[in-house]
Amino acid sequence: MLANFISRHFLPSKPDSVVVIGLGRFGGAVAQSLMRMGHDVMGIDNNEALIQKWAETLTHTVQCDSTNVTVMRQIGVADFNHAIVGIGSDLAASIMTIMVLLELGINDIWVKATSTAHGQIAERIGAHHVVYPEAAMGERVAYLVTGKILDFIEFDDQLAIAKVSAPISMHHHSIAETGIQRIFGLTVVGVKRANEYFQHITPDTLILPTDLLIVSGTSRQIEFFANKTGIGFHPVPAA
């Protein structure tokens, strides 16, 4: 009865609507962020307490067994283009849910993996994207804890972006004069000044002592830059 009601009353209204399966810390955070970005989100979990927790936040929530293809079809999951499997505590349930999504024809499946083996299995059976949130956060913390980098995001082996305090050796020099691209292979994509928004830079932009630089390059290039210039957490006025 509930499945039939949902399938009639909650058809995705936007092509980028997303179904999030598993509303624990990871799934809940992703679902909430997607809602904030303007997407329709259906949240699925077999835990009644989690469904009640997210019922007022998400577009719709359903308590059901995500490994049951008949139920998943009845509640309209096949109408979604994107699915996120955030089940981390039950490997079998995660894998079976992926298989259900593939059977339903979902062409963009994201899976939270809790181990390398989990991720490899997910990829082999057809998951399109596998994320390792614990590993990614561990690497990010490793960069931040040294005090040399204020923020760090790695997209893949060939691209990372970091926010760093302007090193003393670059104060009162233009971007071109620092030779940052020639020496370190990095591109400065923006600068943040105290009490100002981030702004794009030109080769003539002068670097001031309190500036925060947004630099892009490989992880190794950023790490080399931080080590060679002695970047640290010197006082930076709050924006």
Protein backbone atom coordinates (compact mmCIF):
# COMPACT_ATOMS: atom_id res chain seq x y z
CA MET A 1 0.00 0.00 0.00
CA LEU A 2 2.72 2.52 1.02
CA ALA A 3 4.88 1.58 -1.96
CA ASN A 4 2.00 2.15 -4.39
CA PHE A 5 1.17 5.51 -2.78
CA ILE A 6 4.79 6.69 -3.04
CA SER A 7 5.20 5.56 -6.64
CA ARG A 8 2.09 7.61 -7.58
CA HIS A 9 2.91 10.73 -5.53
CA PHE A 10 6.69 11.02 -5.64
CA LEU A 11 8.00 10.92 -9.15
CA PRO A 12 11.22 12.92 -9.51
CA SER A 13 10.33 16.44 -10.63
CA LYS A 14 13.87 17.27 -11.73
CA PRO A 15 16.28 15.35 -13.98
CA ASP A 16 19.00 15.69 -11.34
CA SER A 17 16.92 14.22 -8.52
CA VAL A 18 18.84 11.78 -6.33
CA VAL A 19 17.96 8.74 -4.25
CA VAL A 20 20.18 8.29 -1.20
CA ILE A 21 20.17 4.82 0.32
CA GLY A 22 21.46 4.61 3.88
CA LEU A 23 20.88 7.70 6.00
CA GLY A 24 23.71 7.32 8.48
CA ARG A 25 26.36 10.02 8.95
CA PHE A 26 27.64 9.87 5.38
CA GLY A 27 24.34 9.40 3.56
CA GLY A 28 22.56 11.93 5.75
CA ALA A 29 25.22 14.56 5.20
CA VAL A 30 25.20 14.03 1.42
CA ALA A 31 21.39 14.12 1.29
CA GLN A 32 21.25 17.32 3.32
CA SER A 33 23.85 18.98 1.09
CA LEU A 34 21.96 17.96 -2.04
CA MET A 35 18.76 19.47 -0.64
CA ARG A 36 20.58 22.69 0.16
CA MET A 37 21.79 22.79 -3.45
CA GLY A 38 18.21 22.60 -4.71
CA HIS A 39 17.90 18.92 -5.67
CA ASP A 40 14.96 16.66 -4.93
CA VAL A 41 16.11 13.81 -2.67
CA MET A 42 14.45 10.56 -1.72
CA GLY A 43 16.06 9.02 1.35
CA ILE A 44 15.81 5.28 1.95
CA ASP A 45 16.75 3.33 5.06
CA ASN A 46 15.44 0.29 6.90
CA ASN A 47 15.95 2.04 10.26
CA GLU A 48 12.74 3.69 11.43
CA ALA A 49 14.56 6.15 13.71
CA LEU A 50 16.68 7.47 10.83
CA ILE A 51 13.63 7.81 8.60
CA GLN A 52 11.88 9.86 11.28
CA LYS A 53 15.01 11.97 11.77
CA TRP A 54 15.17 12.97 8.10
CA ALA A 55 11.45 13.02 7.29
CA GLU A 56 11.12 16.80 7.65
CA THR A 57 14.37 17.60 5.85
CA LEU A 58 14.33 15.54 2.65
CA THR A 59 11.82 15.68 -0.18
CA HIS A 60 10.66 12.22 0.79
CA THR A 61 11.82 9.34 2.98
CA VAL A 62 10.95 5.66 2.76
CA GLN A 63 11.58 2.88 5.25
CA CYS A 64 12.18 -0.28 3.26
CA ASP A 65 14.63 -3.04 2.36
CA SER A 66 16.86 -1.66 -0.39
CA THR A 67 17.96 -5.19 -1.38
CA ASN A 68 14.40 -6.06 -2.50
CA VAL A 69 14.15 -5.17 -6.18
CA THR A 70 10.34 -5.45 -6.23
CA VAL A 71 9.90 -2.94 -3.42
CA MET A 72 12.52 -0.59 -4.87
CA ARG A 73 10.72 -0.67 -8.22
CA GLN A 74 7.36 -0.01 -6.56
CA ILE A 75 8.57 3.11 -4.76
CA GLY A 76 9.85 4.57 -8.01
CA VAL A 77 13.62 4.22 -7.65
CA ALA A 78 13.90 3.30 -11.34
CA ASP A 79 12.80 6.85 -12.21
CA PHE A 80 15.96 8.37 -10.72
CA ASN A 81 19.09 9.10 -12.75
CA HIS A 82 21.41 9.24 -9.73
CA ALA A 83 21.75 6.98 -6.71
CA ILE A 84 24.06 7.10 -3.71
CA VAL A 85 24.62 3.99 -1.61
CA GLY A 86 25.76 5.09 1.82
CA ILE A 87 25.43 1.72 3.55
CA GLY A 88 28.67 1.18 5.43
CA SER A 89 27.94 -1.25 8.24
CA ASP A 90 26.64 -4.13 6.13
CA LEU A 91 28.82 -5.12 3.16
CA ALA A 92 26.33 -7.67 1.85
CA ALA A 93 23.47 -5.14 1.93
CA SER A 94 25.61 -2.57 0.13
CA ILE A 95 26.56 -4.98 -2.65
CA MET A 96 23.01 -6.33 -3.03
CA THR A 97 21.65 -2.77 -3.18
CA ILE A 98 24.08 -1.94 -6.00
CA MET A 99 22.86 -5.01 -7.89
CA VAL A 100 19.26 -3.88 -7.42
CA LEU A 101 20.06 -0.41 -8.73
CA LEU A 102 21.78 -1.90 -11.78
CA GLU A 103 18.76 -4.11 -12.45
CA LEU A 104 16.56 -1.01 -12.26
CA GLY A 105 18.70 0.69 -14.88
CA ILE A 106 20.21 3.48 -12.76
CA ASN A 107 23.04 4.89 -14.86
CA ASP A 108 24.91 6.88 -12.20
CA ILE A 109 25.60 4.93 -9.01
CA TRP A 110 27.85 6.29 -6.25
CA VAL A 111 28.96 3.98 -3.46
CA LYS A 112 30.55 4.68 -0.09
CA ALA A 113 33.23 2.03 0.47
CA THR A 114 34.56 1.21 3.92
CA SER A 115 37.54 -0.78 2.64
CA THR A 116 39.55 -1.40 -0.51
CA ALA A 117 37.91 -4.80 -0.93
CA HIS A 118 34.45 -3.22 -0.61
CA GLY A 119 35.32 -0.66 -3.26
CA GLN A 120 36.80 -3.21 -5.64
CA ILE A 121 33.74 -5.43 -5.41
CA ALA A 122 31.44 -2.43 -5.97
CA GLU A 123 33.37 -1.43 -9.09
CA ARG A 124 33.47 -4.98 -10.47
CA ILE A 125 29.73 -5.43 -10.27
CA GLY A 126 29.07 -2.11 -11.97
CA ALA A 127 29.15 0.87 -9.58
CA HIS A 128 30.13 3.98 -11.53
CA HIS A 129 31.85 5.87 -8.70
CA VAL A 130 33.39 4.64 -5.44
CA VAL A 131 34.35 7.02 -2.64
CA TYR A 132 36.42 6.32 0.44
CA PRO A 133 35.39 9.10 2.85
CA GLU A 134 37.51 7.91 5.76
CA ALA A 135 40.66 7.66 3.63
CA ALA A 136 40.05 11.02 1.96
CA MET A 137 39.50 12.74 5.29
CA GLY A 138 42.59 11.04 6.73
CA GLU A 139 44.78 12.46 3.96
CA ARG A 140 43.21 15.90 4.33
CA VAL A 141 43.85 15.94 8.07
CA ALA A 142 47.44 14.83 7.49
CA TYR A 143 48.03 17.93 5.39
CA LEU A 144 46.25 20.26 7.80
CA VAL A 145 47.77 19.01 11.05
CA THR A 146 51.27 20.13 10.05
CA GLY A 147 50.09 23.73 10.10
CA LYS A 148 51.53 24.42 6.67
CA ILE A 149 48.29 24.23 4.71
CA LEU A 150 45.02 25.83 5.81
CA ASP A 151 42.75 23.72 3.62
CA PHE A 152 43.29 20.99 1.04
CA ILE A 153 41.13 19.20 -1.52
CA GLU A 154 42.45 16.51 -3.86
CA PHE A 155 40.39 15.74 -6.95
CA ASP A 156 42.73 13.08 -8.36
CA ASP A 157 46.45 12.38 -8.64
CA GLN A 158 46.88 15.22 -11.13
CA LEU A 159 44.87 17.99 -9.47
CA ALA A 160 44.61 19.37 -5.94
CA ILE A 161 43.65 22.77 -4.60
CA ALA A 162 44.95 24.25 -1.36
CA LYS A 163 44.44 27.40 0.67
CA VAL A 164 47.70 28.67 2.14
CA SER A 165 48.91 31.75 3.96
CA ALA A 166 51.12 33.88 1.74
CA PRO A 167 54.72 32.92 2.62
CA ILE A 168 56.91 35.73 3.95
CA SER A 169 59.28 35.43 1.00
CA MET A 170 56.46 36.52 -1.33
CA HIS A 171 55.18 39.50 0.65
CA HIS A 172 55.06 42.74 -1.35
CA HIS A 173 55.96 40.96 -4.59
CA SER A 174 53.71 40.50 -7.61
CA ILE A 175 52.55 37.04 -8.64
CA ALA A 176 54.89 37.24 -11.64
CA GLU A 177 57.86 38.22 -9.46
CA THR A 178 57.43 35.25 -7.13
CA GLY A 179 57.98 32.76 -9.97
CA ILE A 180 55.55 30.39 -8.27
CA GLN A 181 54.52 28.73 -11.50
CA ARG A 182 58.05 28.48 -12.89
CA ILE A 183 59.65 27.26 -9.66
CA PHE A 184 56.91 25.15 -8.11
CA GLY A 185 54.64 24.35 -11.06
CA LEU A 186 51.66 25.84 -9.20
CA THR A 187 48.97 28.20 -10.45
CA VAL A 188 47.59 30.87 -8.12
CA VAL A 189 43.88 30.93 -8.94
CA GLY A 190 42.73 33.44 -6.36
CA VAL A 191 43.62 35.55 -3.36
CA LYS A 192 41.65 36.33 -0.19
CA ARG A 193 42.29 39.57 1.61
CA ALA A 194 41.13 40.40 5.12
CA ASN A 195 37.48 41.51 5.13
CA GLU A 196 37.21 41.00 1.36
CA TYR A 197 35.86 38.31 -0.95
CA PHE A 198 38.13 36.01 -2.89
CA GLN A 199 39.28 37.67 -6.08
CA HIS A 200 40.92 36.54 -9.27
CA ILE A 201 44.51 37.54 -9.77
CA THR A 202 46.69 38.82 -12.58
CA PRO A 203 50.48 38.55 -12.94
CA ASP A 204 50.67 42.07 -11.48
CA THR A 205 48.66 41.32 -8.34
CA LEU A 206 50.71 42.29 -5.28
CA ILE A 207 50.83 39.76 -2.43
CA LEU A 208 50.26 41.30 0.99
CA PRO A 209 51.31 39.82 4.38
CA THR A 210 47.79 38.80 5.43
CA ASP A 211 46.76 37.33 2.07
CA LEU A 212 45.47 33.79 1.68
CA LEU A 213 46.39 32.19 -1.65
CA ILE A 214 44.37 29.56 -3.48
CA VAL A 215 46.84 27.45 -5.42
CA SER A 216 46.31 24.50 -7.75
CA GLY A 217 48.66 21.75 -8.87
CA THR A 218 49.46 18.18 -7.95
CA SER A 219 49.55 17.08 -4.31
CA ARG A 220 53.32 16.67 -4.52
CA GLN A 221 53.80 20.17 -5.93
CA ILE A 222 51.69 21.71 -3.18
CA GLU A 223 53.49 19.74 -0.48
CA PHE A 224 56.89 20.77 -1.94
CA PHE A 225 55.79 24.41 -2.03
CA ALA A 226 54.63 24.30 1.61
CA ASN A 227 57.87 22.69 2.80
CA LYS A 228 60.19 24.97 0.83
CA THR A 229 58.48 28.23 1.75
CA GLY A 230 57.87 27.41 5.41
CA ILE A 231 54.17 28.23 5.23
CA GLY A 232 52.56 28.22 8.62
CA PHE A 233 49.58 29.40 10.63
CA HIS A 234 50.81 32.93 11.20
CA PRO A 235 47.95 35.19 12.33
CA VAL A 236 45.42 35.92 9.63
CA PRO A 237 42.57 38.35 10.46
CA ALA A 238 39.14 36.78 10.21
CA ALA A 239 37.16 37.65 7.12
